[in-house]
Amino acid sequence: MATLTAKCRRRKLAQRESFSVDACDCGALHLTIGYVTMRLDPCAYREMAAVISEALDRLPAHGATTVH
């Protein structure tokens, strides 16, 4: 895992409403959801994105969120 230091600088990769992803000089990716920020290495971020994508693919069509 990357080591966050006081000198780390972030650059915004993406942002929508209360969600954002920043890349840090130390190699970490910062995923912010509202007031919560998770600091992940790129491999962990890719795994998380794959799991979320898989879950979205399994949701019923038309945005319904009831899963049985």
C-alpha atoms as a PDB file:
ATOM      1  CA  MET A   1       0.000   0.000   0.000  1.00  0.00           C
ATOM      2  CA  ALA A   2       1.194   3.477  -0.783  1.00  0.00           C
ATOM      3  CA  THR A   3       2.313   5.591   2.138  1.00  0.00           C
ATOM      4  CA  LEU A   4       0.449   8.872   2.463  1.00  0.00           C
ATOM      5  CA  THR A   5       2.683  11.748   3.476  1.00  0.00           C
ATOM      6  CA  ALA A   6       2.091  15.402   4.202  1.00  0.00           C
ATOM      7  CA  LYS A   7       3.689  16.199   0.834  1.00  0.00           C
ATOM      8  CA  CYS A   8       1.257  14.079  -1.199  1.00  0.00           C
ATOM      9  CA  ARG A   9      -0.619  16.011  -3.854  1.00  0.00           C
ATOM     10  CA  ARG A  10      -3.871  14.849  -5.415  1.00  0.00           C
ATOM     11  CA  ARG A  11      -5.273  15.368  -8.882  1.00  0.00           C
ATOM     12  CA  LYS A  12      -8.959  14.917  -9.641  1.00  0.00           C
ATOM     13  CA  LEU A  13      -9.675  12.027 -12.010  1.00  0.00           C
ATOM     14  CA  ALA A  14     -13.471  12.078 -11.893  1.00  0.00           C
ATOM     15  CA  GLN A  15     -16.312  13.686  -9.975  1.00  0.00           C
ATOM     16  CA  ARG A  16     -20.113  13.462  -9.928  1.00  0.00           C
ATOM     17  CA  GLU A  17     -22.258  15.052  -7.255  1.00  0.00           C
ATOM     18  CA  SER A  18     -20.949  13.700  -3.921  1.00  0.00           C
ATOM     19  CA  PHE A  19     -18.577  11.109  -5.474  1.00  0.00           C
ATOM     20  CA  SER A  20     -15.000  11.723  -6.565  1.00  0.00           C
ATOM     21  CA  VAL A  21     -11.779   9.868  -7.358  1.00  0.00           C
ATOM     22  CA  ASP A  22      -8.365  11.495  -6.941  1.00  0.00           C
ATOM     23  CA  ALA A  23      -4.908  10.159  -7.810  1.00  0.00           C
ATOM     24  CA  CYS A  24      -2.195  10.887  -5.263  1.00  0.00           C
ATOM     25  CA  ASP A  25       1.546  11.397  -5.780  1.00  0.00           C
ATOM     26  CA  CYS A  26       2.166   8.449  -3.448  1.00  0.00           C
ATOM     27  CA  GLY A  27       0.345   6.090  -5.842  1.00  0.00           C
ATOM     28  CA  ALA A  28      -2.917   5.780  -3.926  1.00  0.00           C
ATOM     29  CA  LEU A  29      -6.359   6.454  -5.299  1.00  0.00           C
ATOM     30  CA  HIS A  30      -8.750   8.344  -3.049  1.00  0.00           C
ATOM     31  CA  LEU A  31     -12.426   7.438  -3.438  1.00  0.00           C
ATOM     32  CA  THR A  32     -14.638   9.995  -1.699  1.00  0.00           C
ATOM     33  CA  ILE A  33     -18.326   9.365  -1.076  1.00  0.00           C
ATOM     34  CA  GLY A  34     -19.852  12.263   0.815  1.00  0.00           C
ATOM     35  CA  TYR A  35     -17.784  12.753   3.973  1.00  0.00           C
ATOM     36  CA  VAL A  36     -16.004   9.374   3.729  1.00  0.00           C
ATOM     37  CA  THR A  37     -12.730   8.850   1.845  1.00  0.00           C
ATOM     38  CA  MET A  38     -11.155   5.470   1.170  1.00  0.00           C
ATOM     39  CA  ARG A  39      -7.501   5.337   0.165  1.00  0.00           C
ATOM     40  CA  LEU A  40      -6.815   2.339  -2.096  1.00  0.00           C
ATOM     41  CA  ASP A  41      -3.931   1.094  -4.182  1.00  0.00           C
ATOM     42  CA  PRO A  42      -4.782   0.826  -7.894  1.00  0.00           C
ATOM     43  CA  CYS A  43      -5.113  -3.000  -7.813  1.00  0.00           C
ATOM     44  CA  ALA A  44      -7.621  -2.862  -4.951  1.00  0.00           C
ATOM     45  CA  TYR A  45      -9.510  -0.078  -6.725  1.00  0.00           C
ATOM     46  CA  ARG A  46      -9.770  -2.176  -9.901  1.00  0.00           C
ATOM     47  CA  GLU A  47     -11.072  -5.144  -7.877  1.00  0.00           C
ATOM     48  CA  MET A  48     -13.661  -2.948  -6.183  1.00  0.00           C
ATOM     49  CA  ALA A  49     -14.739  -1.501  -9.552  1.00  0.00           C
ATOM     50  CA  ALA A  50     -15.073  -5.030 -10.983  1.00  0.00           C
ATOM     51  CA  VAL A  51     -17.244  -6.161  -8.052  1.00  0.00           C
ATOM     52  CA  ILE A  52     -19.465  -3.085  -8.342  1.00  0.00           C
ATOM     53  CA  SER A  53     -19.765  -3.599 -12.107  1.00  0.00           C
ATOM     54  CA  GLU A  54     -20.704  -7.259 -11.592  1.00  0.00           C
ATOM     55  CA  ALA A  55     -23.344  -6.280  -9.039  1.00  0.00           C
ATOM     56  CA  LEU A  56     -24.794  -3.660 -11.392  1.00  0.00           C
ATOM     57  CA  ASP A  57     -24.977  -6.231 -14.196  1.00  0.00           C
ATOM     58  CA  ARG A  58     -27.074  -8.448 -11.923  1.00  0.00           C
ATOM     59  CA  LEU A  59     -29.590  -5.763 -11.013  1.00  0.00           C
ATOM     60  CA  PRO A  60     -32.990  -6.059 -12.676  1.00  0.00           C
ATOM     61  CA  ALA A  61     -33.572  -3.842 -15.716  1.00  0.00           C
ATOM     62  CA  HIS A  62     -35.042  -0.326 -15.493  1.00  0.00           C
ATOM     63  CA  GLY A  63     -33.260   0.651 -12.279  1.00  0.00           C
ATOM     64  CA  ALA A  64     -35.260  -1.575  -9.945  1.00  0.00           C
ATOM     65  CA  THR A  65     -33.271  -2.324  -6.804  1.00  0.00           C
ATOM     66  CA  THR A  66     -35.163  -5.288  -5.364  1.00  0.00           C
ATOM     67  CA  VAL A  67     -32.931  -8.353  -5.640  1.00  0.00           C
ATOM     68  CA  HIS A  68     -34.119 -11.780  -4.533  1.00  0.00           C
END
